[in-house]
N, C-alpha and C. Protein backbone atom coordinates (compact mmCIF):
# COMPACT_ATOMS: atom_id res chain seq x y z
N MET A 1 159.57 59.84 177.80
CA MET A 1 160.06 61.31 177.93
C MET A 1 160.73 62.23 177.13
N THR A 2 160.10 63.17 176.80
CA THR A 2 160.35 64.13 175.45
C THR A 2 161.64 64.91 176.01
N SER A 3 162.53 65.15 174.77
CA SER A 3 163.69 65.67 174.99
C SER A 3 163.50 67.34 174.61
N LYS A 4 163.90 68.09 175.89
CA LYS A 4 163.91 69.55 175.48
C LYS A 4 164.92 70.01 174.63
N ILE A 5 164.40 70.93 173.63
CA ILE A 5 165.68 71.51 172.71
C ILE A 5 165.92 72.77 173.20
N LYS A 6 167.35 73.01 173.54
CA LYS A 6 167.95 74.20 174.11
C LYS A 6 167.77 75.48 172.59
N ARG A 7 167.57 76.56 173.40
CA ARG A 7 167.22 77.68 172.32
C ARG A 7 168.55 78.09 171.49
N ARG A 8 169.84 77.90 171.85
CA ARG A 8 171.11 77.87 170.98
C ARG A 8 171.03 76.95 169.96
N GLU A 9 170.85 75.59 170.31
CA GLU A 9 170.61 74.55 169.24
C GLU A 9 169.55 74.96 168.42
N PHE A 10 168.53 75.32 168.63
CA PHE A 10 167.39 75.54 167.72
C PHE A 10 167.76 76.88 166.90
N CYS A 11 168.26 77.90 167.35
CA CYS A 11 168.81 78.87 166.48
C CYS A 11 169.79 78.24 165.45
N ARG A 12 170.82 77.64 165.93
CA ARG A 12 171.92 77.05 165.04
C ARG A 12 171.24 76.27 163.84
N ALA A 13 170.19 75.36 164.13
CA ALA A 13 169.61 74.50 163.15
C ALA A 13 168.70 74.96 161.94
N VAL A 14 167.97 75.99 162.67
CA VAL A 14 166.95 76.68 161.68
C VAL A 14 167.78 77.80 161.11
N PRO A 15 167.63 77.74 159.63
CA PRO A 15 168.31 79.07 159.09
C PRO A 15 167.43 80.19 159.46
N ALA A 16 168.05 81.47 159.47
CA ALA A 16 167.37 82.75 159.61
C ALA A 16 166.24 83.08 158.75
N ALA A 17 166.30 82.70 157.63
CA ALA A 17 165.55 83.20 156.46
C ALA A 17 164.17 82.26 156.80
N VAL A 18 164.18 81.03 157.32
CA VAL A 18 163.05 80.36 157.58
C VAL A 18 162.43 80.95 158.95
N MET A 19 163.03 81.43 159.90
CA MET A 19 162.76 81.83 161.14
C MET A 19 161.99 83.28 160.94
N SER A 20 162.67 83.90 159.96
CA SER A 20 161.66 85.36 159.44
C SER A 20 160.40 85.14 159.11
N LEU A 21 160.39 84.14 158.09
CA LEU A 21 158.96 83.62 157.79
C LEU A 21 158.05 83.10 158.85
N VAL A 22 158.73 82.44 159.61
CA VAL A 22 157.64 81.92 160.59
C VAL A 22 157.24 83.17 161.45
N ALA A 23 158.22 84.04 162.14
CA ALA A 23 157.83 84.84 162.88
C ALA A 23 157.05 86.20 162.17
N CYS A 24 157.18 86.33 161.10
CA CYS A 24 156.45 87.56 160.29
C CYS A 24 155.70 86.97 159.01
N PRO A 25 154.73 85.90 158.92
CA PRO A 25 154.06 85.41 157.87
C PRO A 25 153.70 86.65 156.78
N TYR A 26 153.30 87.74 157.55
CA TYR A 26 153.03 88.77 156.51
C TYR A 26 153.98 89.18 155.47
N LEU A 27 155.20 89.22 155.81
CA LEU A 27 156.06 89.44 154.83
C LEU A 27 156.14 88.37 153.57
N SER A 28 156.05 87.43 153.81
CA SER A 28 155.92 86.24 152.93
C SER A 28 154.85 86.55 151.76
N ARG A 29 153.48 87.33 152.34
CA ARG A 29 152.52 87.56 151.48
C ARG A 29 152.86 88.71 150.86
N THR A 30 153.59 89.64 151.21
CA THR A 30 153.62 90.87 150.51
C THR A 30 154.90 91.21 149.90
N ALA A 31 155.73 90.39 149.95
CA ALA A 31 157.20 90.51 148.96
C ALA A 31 156.81 90.35 147.74
N GLY A 32 157.30 91.26 146.87
CA GLY A 32 157.12 91.33 145.69
C GLY A 32 155.75 91.49 145.15
N ALA A 33 154.80 92.18 146.12
CA ALA A 33 153.55 92.06 145.79
C ALA A 33 153.11 93.34 144.77
N VAL A 34 153.90 94.22 144.38
CA VAL A 34 154.18 95.16 143.31
C VAL A 34 153.74 94.71 142.05
N GLU A 35 152.73 95.28 141.30
CA GLU A 35 152.49 94.98 139.81
C GLU A 35 153.38 95.21 138.87
N GLU A 36 153.68 94.53 137.94
CA GLU A 36 154.95 94.76 137.10
C GLU A 36 154.57 96.05 136.27
N ASP A 37 153.63 96.25 136.07
CA ASP A 37 153.16 97.57 135.50
C ASP A 37 153.70 98.77 136.16
N GLU A 38 153.39 98.76 137.56
CA GLU A 38 154.08 99.65 138.38
C GLU A 38 155.41 99.92 138.50
N MET A 39 156.13 98.69 138.40
CA MET A 39 157.55 98.68 138.21
C MET A 39 158.21 99.73 137.53
N GLU A 40 157.78 99.85 136.18
CA GLU A 40 158.22 100.48 135.28
C GLU A 40 157.92 102.12 135.32
N LYS A 41 156.94 102.13 136.01
CA LYS A 41 156.49 103.61 136.24
C LYS A 41 157.71 104.35 137.19
N LYS A 42 157.89 105.63 136.77
CA LYS A 42 158.83 106.19 137.88
C LYS A 42 158.14 107.39 138.46
N VAL A 43 158.58 107.76 139.62
CA VAL A 43 157.82 109.00 140.22
C VAL A 43 158.71 110.17 139.55
N LYS A 44 157.83 111.27 139.14
CA LYS A 44 158.30 112.55 138.62
C LYS A 44 158.99 113.34 140.00
N TYR A 45 157.90 113.78 140.61
CA TYR A 45 158.26 114.48 141.89
C TYR A 45 157.25 114.36 142.98
N ILE A 46 157.72 114.77 144.09
CA ILE A 46 156.69 114.73 145.26
C ILE A 46 156.37 116.16 145.28
N GLU A 47 154.86 116.60 145.36
CA GLU A 47 154.44 118.09 145.68
C GLU A 47 153.89 117.90 146.85
N VAL A 48 154.46 119.10 147.77
CA VAL A 48 154.03 119.48 148.76
C VAL A 48 153.28 120.69 148.88
N LYS A 49 152.11 120.57 149.67
CA LYS A 49 151.08 121.76 149.31
C LYS A 49 150.52 122.16 150.66
N VAL A 50 150.62 123.18 151.12
CA VAL A 50 149.88 123.75 152.32
C VAL A 50 148.29 123.53 152.46
N ALA A 51 147.76 122.60 152.93
CA ALA A 51 146.31 122.52 152.97
C ALA A 51 145.67 123.13 154.21
N SER A 52 146.25 123.31 155.05
CA SER A 52 145.63 124.12 156.04
C SER A 52 146.52 124.79 157.15
N ILE A 53 146.24 126.18 157.73
CA ILE A 53 146.99 126.62 158.89
C ILE A 53 146.18 126.97 159.90
N LYS A 54 146.59 126.70 161.13
CA LYS A 54 145.95 127.26 162.24
C LYS A 54 147.00 127.93 163.39
N GLY A 55 146.63 129.19 163.53
CA GLY A 55 147.52 130.24 164.02
C GLY A 55 148.58 130.85 163.15
N ILE A 56 149.65 131.20 163.54
CA ILE A 56 150.59 132.05 162.70
C ILE A 56 151.62 131.18 162.37
N CYS A 57 151.91 130.83 161.07
CA CYS A 57 153.29 130.09 160.76
C CYS A 57 154.55 130.88 160.67
N GLY A 58 155.59 130.60 161.42
CA GLY A 58 156.76 131.10 161.56
C GLY A 58 157.46 131.25 160.28
N ALA A 59 157.05 130.34 159.14
CA ALA A 59 158.01 130.28 157.95
C ALA A 59 157.06 131.25 157.06
N GLY A 60 155.87 131.78 157.34
CA GLY A 60 155.04 132.64 156.53
C GLY A 60 154.42 131.80 155.53
N TYR A 61 153.88 130.48 155.68
CA TYR A 61 153.08 129.82 154.69
C TYR A 61 152.15 130.57 154.43
N LYS A 62 151.33 130.30 153.56
CA LYS A 62 149.75 130.49 153.13
C LYS A 62 149.17 129.22 152.51
N VAL A 63 148.00 129.09 152.83
CA VAL A 63 147.28 127.87 152.02
C VAL A 63 147.66 127.96 150.68
N GLY A 64 147.82 126.83 150.05
CA GLY A 64 147.96 126.89 148.64
C GLY A 64 149.67 126.99 148.20
N ASP A 65 150.33 127.20 149.02
CA ASP A 65 151.87 127.29 148.96
C ASP A 65 152.38 125.81 148.50
N ILE A 66 153.13 125.81 147.43
CA ILE A 66 153.55 124.60 146.96
C ILE A 66 155.28 124.48 146.75
N ALA A 67 155.70 123.29 147.21
CA ALA A 67 157.03 123.08 147.09
C ALA A 67 156.94 121.80 146.39
N ARG A 68 158.31 121.30 145.52
CA ARG A 68 158.37 120.14 144.92
C ARG A 68 159.69 119.60 145.51
N ILE A 69 159.69 118.13 145.62
CA ILE A 69 160.80 117.51 145.82
C ILE A 69 161.11 116.36 144.96
N THR A 70 162.09 116.50 144.38
CA THR A 70 162.62 115.53 143.25
C THR A 70 163.89 114.76 143.89
N GLU A 71 164.37 113.80 142.86
CA GLU A 71 165.58 113.03 143.30
C GLU A 71 166.95 114.04 143.50
N GLN A 72 166.72 115.18 143.11
CA GLN A 72 168.03 116.27 142.84
C GLN A 72 167.68 117.30 143.96
N GLY A 73 166.77 117.35 144.54
CA GLY A 73 166.54 118.37 145.74
C GLY A 73 165.05 118.99 145.89
N VAL A 74 165.24 120.06 146.64
CA VAL A 74 163.94 120.54 146.88
C VAL A 74 163.51 122.16 145.90
N GLU A 75 162.33 122.07 145.44
CA GLU A 75 162.28 123.23 144.59
C GLU A 75 161.02 123.84 145.26
N GLY A 76 161.45 125.55 145.40
CA GLY A 76 160.55 126.16 146.33
C GLY A 76 160.65 126.29 148.01
N LYS A 77 159.95 127.07 148.40
CA LYS A 77 160.20 127.17 149.79
C LYS A 77 159.52 126.27 150.53
N ILE A 78 160.38 125.62 151.83
CA ILE A 78 159.66 124.69 152.59
C ILE A 78 160.61 124.92 153.77
N CYS A 79 159.84 124.92 155.05
CA CYS A 79 160.46 125.06 156.45
C CYS A 79 161.33 123.94 156.82
N ILE A 80 162.47 123.86 157.18
CA ILE A 80 163.31 122.69 157.71
C ILE A 80 162.83 121.98 158.37
N HIS A 81 161.91 122.54 159.55
CA HIS A 81 161.61 121.43 160.58
C HIS A 81 160.43 120.65 160.01
N ALA A 82 159.49 121.30 159.35
CA ALA A 82 158.53 120.55 158.47
C ALA A 82 159.29 119.32 157.27
N LEU A 83 160.37 119.80 156.62
CA LEU A 83 160.78 119.00 155.83
C LEU A 83 161.62 117.85 156.34
N TYR A 84 162.13 118.17 157.45
CA TYR A 84 163.08 116.99 158.27
C TYR A 84 161.77 116.16 158.62
N SER A 85 160.57 116.28 159.46
CA SER A 85 159.58 115.55 159.78
C SER A 85 158.82 114.81 158.93
N MET A 86 158.91 115.42 157.63
CA MET A 86 158.01 114.61 156.45
C MET A 86 158.95 113.59 155.42
N LEU A 87 160.25 113.97 155.68
CA LEU A 87 161.34 113.24 154.72
C LEU A 87 161.04 111.75 154.61
N PRO A 88 160.85 110.89 155.97
CA PRO A 88 160.74 109.57 155.68
C PRO A 88 159.52 109.07 154.62
N ALA A 89 158.21 109.77 154.94
CA ALA A 89 157.43 109.66 154.18
C ALA A 89 157.93 109.87 152.74
N VAL A 90 158.31 111.08 152.49
CA VAL A 90 158.52 111.56 151.19
C VAL A 90 159.41 110.49 150.46
N PHE A 91 160.72 110.17 150.86
CA PHE A 91 161.48 109.24 150.22
C PHE A 91 160.76 107.98 150.17
N ALA A 92 159.85 107.62 151.19
CA ALA A 92 158.96 106.28 150.75
C ALA A 92 158.23 106.21 149.76
N MET A 93 157.29 107.71 149.48
CA MET A 93 156.52 107.64 148.47
C MET A 93 157.42 107.72 146.99
N MET A 94 158.65 108.57 147.16
CA MET A 94 159.52 108.52 146.07
C MET A 94 159.46 107.27 145.27
N TYR A 95 159.98 106.20 146.10
CA TYR A 95 160.25 105.15 145.68
C TYR A 95 159.46 104.03 145.68
N GLY A 96 158.12 104.43 145.74
CA GLY A 96 157.10 103.35 145.30
C GLY A 96 156.35 102.94 146.74
N ALA A 97 156.45 103.29 147.85
CA ALA A 97 156.11 102.88 148.91
C ALA A 97 154.34 102.76 149.11
N ARG A 98 153.88 101.90 149.55
CA ARG A 98 152.15 102.09 149.69
C ARG A 98 151.81 102.12 151.02
N PHE A 99 151.11 103.09 151.67
CA PHE A 99 150.63 102.92 152.95
C PHE A 99 149.15 102.58 152.94
N PRO A 100 148.93 101.33 153.64
CA PRO A 100 147.71 100.80 153.58
C PRO A 100 146.42 101.56 154.39
N TRP A 101 146.53 102.30 154.97
CA TRP A 101 145.48 102.90 155.41
C TRP A 101 145.10 104.27 154.98
N LEU A 102 145.94 104.61 153.60
CA LEU A 102 145.45 105.53 152.86
C LEU A 102 144.60 105.21 151.77
N SER A 103 143.51 106.09 151.65
CA SER A 103 142.41 105.81 150.58
C SER A 103 142.93 106.09 149.21
N ASP A 104 143.87 106.86 148.85
CA ASP A 104 144.49 107.43 147.69
C ASP A 104 146.02 107.00 148.03
N PRO A 105 146.70 106.03 147.31
CA PRO A 105 148.05 105.76 147.73
C PRO A 105 148.81 106.60 147.19
N ASP A 106 148.67 107.41 146.40
CA ASP A 106 149.59 108.83 145.88
C ASP A 106 149.24 110.07 146.63
N LYS A 107 148.41 110.09 147.76
CA LYS A 107 148.43 111.42 148.39
C LYS A 107 148.24 111.02 149.86
N LYS A 108 148.82 111.88 150.71
CA LYS A 108 148.85 111.73 152.13
C LYS A 108 148.91 113.11 153.00
N THR A 109 148.58 113.19 153.91
CA THR A 109 148.53 114.69 154.83
C THR A 109 149.86 114.43 155.91
N HIS A 110 150.17 115.38 156.08
CA HIS A 110 151.30 115.59 157.21
C HIS A 110 151.25 116.88 157.92
N ALA A 111 151.29 116.62 159.01
CA ALA A 111 151.14 117.86 160.09
C ALA A 111 152.45 118.51 160.44
N CYS A 112 152.65 119.48 160.50
CA CYS A 112 153.95 120.26 161.07
C CYS A 112 154.20 120.11 162.50
N PRO A 113 155.49 119.78 162.88
CA PRO A 113 155.74 119.59 164.13
C PRO A 113 155.53 120.71 165.17
N ASP A 114 155.02 121.79 164.60
CA ASP A 114 154.68 123.07 165.60
C ASP A 114 153.30 122.80 166.00
N ALA A 115 153.19 122.13 167.35
CA ALA A 115 152.02 122.12 167.83
C ALA A 115 151.02 123.25 168.16
N ALA A 116 151.76 124.48 168.60
CA ALA A 116 151.09 125.61 168.80
C ALA A 116 150.43 126.38 167.51
N ASN A 117 151.20 126.25 166.21
CA ASN A 117 150.77 126.95 165.15
C ASN A 117 150.72 125.68 163.86
N PRO A 118 149.86 124.75 163.86
CA PRO A 118 150.12 123.70 163.10
C PRO A 118 149.77 123.91 161.59
N VAL A 119 150.63 123.33 160.72
CA VAL A 119 150.23 123.55 159.52
C VAL A 119 150.26 122.04 158.81
N VAL A 120 148.95 121.96 158.01
CA VAL A 120 148.83 120.71 157.36
C VAL A 120 149.31 120.69 155.98
N PHE A 121 150.06 119.75 155.58
CA PHE A 121 150.60 119.65 154.34
C PHE A 121 150.17 118.61 153.56
N GLU A 122 149.69 118.66 152.26
CA GLU A 122 149.17 117.47 151.55
C GLU A 122 150.23 117.19 150.64
N ILE A 123 150.64 115.72 150.69
CA ILE A 123 151.94 115.13 149.90
C ILE A 123 151.35 114.32 148.91
N THR A 124 151.82 114.59 147.70
CA THR A 124 151.30 113.93 146.44
C THR A 124 152.44 113.35 145.64
N ARG A 125 152.17 112.22 145.35
CA ARG A 125 153.26 111.70 144.40
C ARG A 125 152.79 111.84 142.83
N VAL A 126 153.47 112.35 142.15
CA VAL A 126 153.28 112.78 140.75
C VAL A 126 154.10 111.88 139.99
N TRP A 127 153.54 110.96 139.24
CA TRP A 127 154.26 109.85 138.15
C TRP A 127 154.31 110.72 136.89
N GLU A 128 155.84 109.99 136.35
CA GLU A 128 155.98 110.40 134.80
C GLU A 128 154.89 109.88 133.93
N GLY A 129 154.83 110.77 132.86
CA GLY A 129 154.14 110.22 132.04
C GLY A 129 152.55 110.25 131.94
C-alpha cells in the first residue's frame, strides 16, 4: 500500500525556490541570460515616433512627430492616454528587457488606445555610446 502525501505536508517539505523551478522551468534557463557586455551598456533614452495615423488625432499628431523619454522625464509632446498605455513597454525597454517576438530587440510598435482614430507609435531604444 502506498502512502499519500497531503498537500500541506508537501508544501512545507519542499522549499519555495525548488517549487518555482519545477513549476516554471523556463525561468531557470533564462535567468541571468543577458550577456555581460550588454550589462555595461546603458540606455540613453527611448524615442517615441509617430509612425502612422488613421483618422484625426485629438492630440494633433503628425507622422514623424518625436518625443523622448529619459529617466528624468518626457521631452516633447505626447498624449497622456498614449503615454499611459505605452509606459510598461517603455520602462521595460529602458531597463534592458527583451521581447522575444520582436525581430529587432530595440524597436517595437505601439498602438494608441483610441480605436476610432488610431495612432501607431514606433518605440526605439537608443543606447549610450
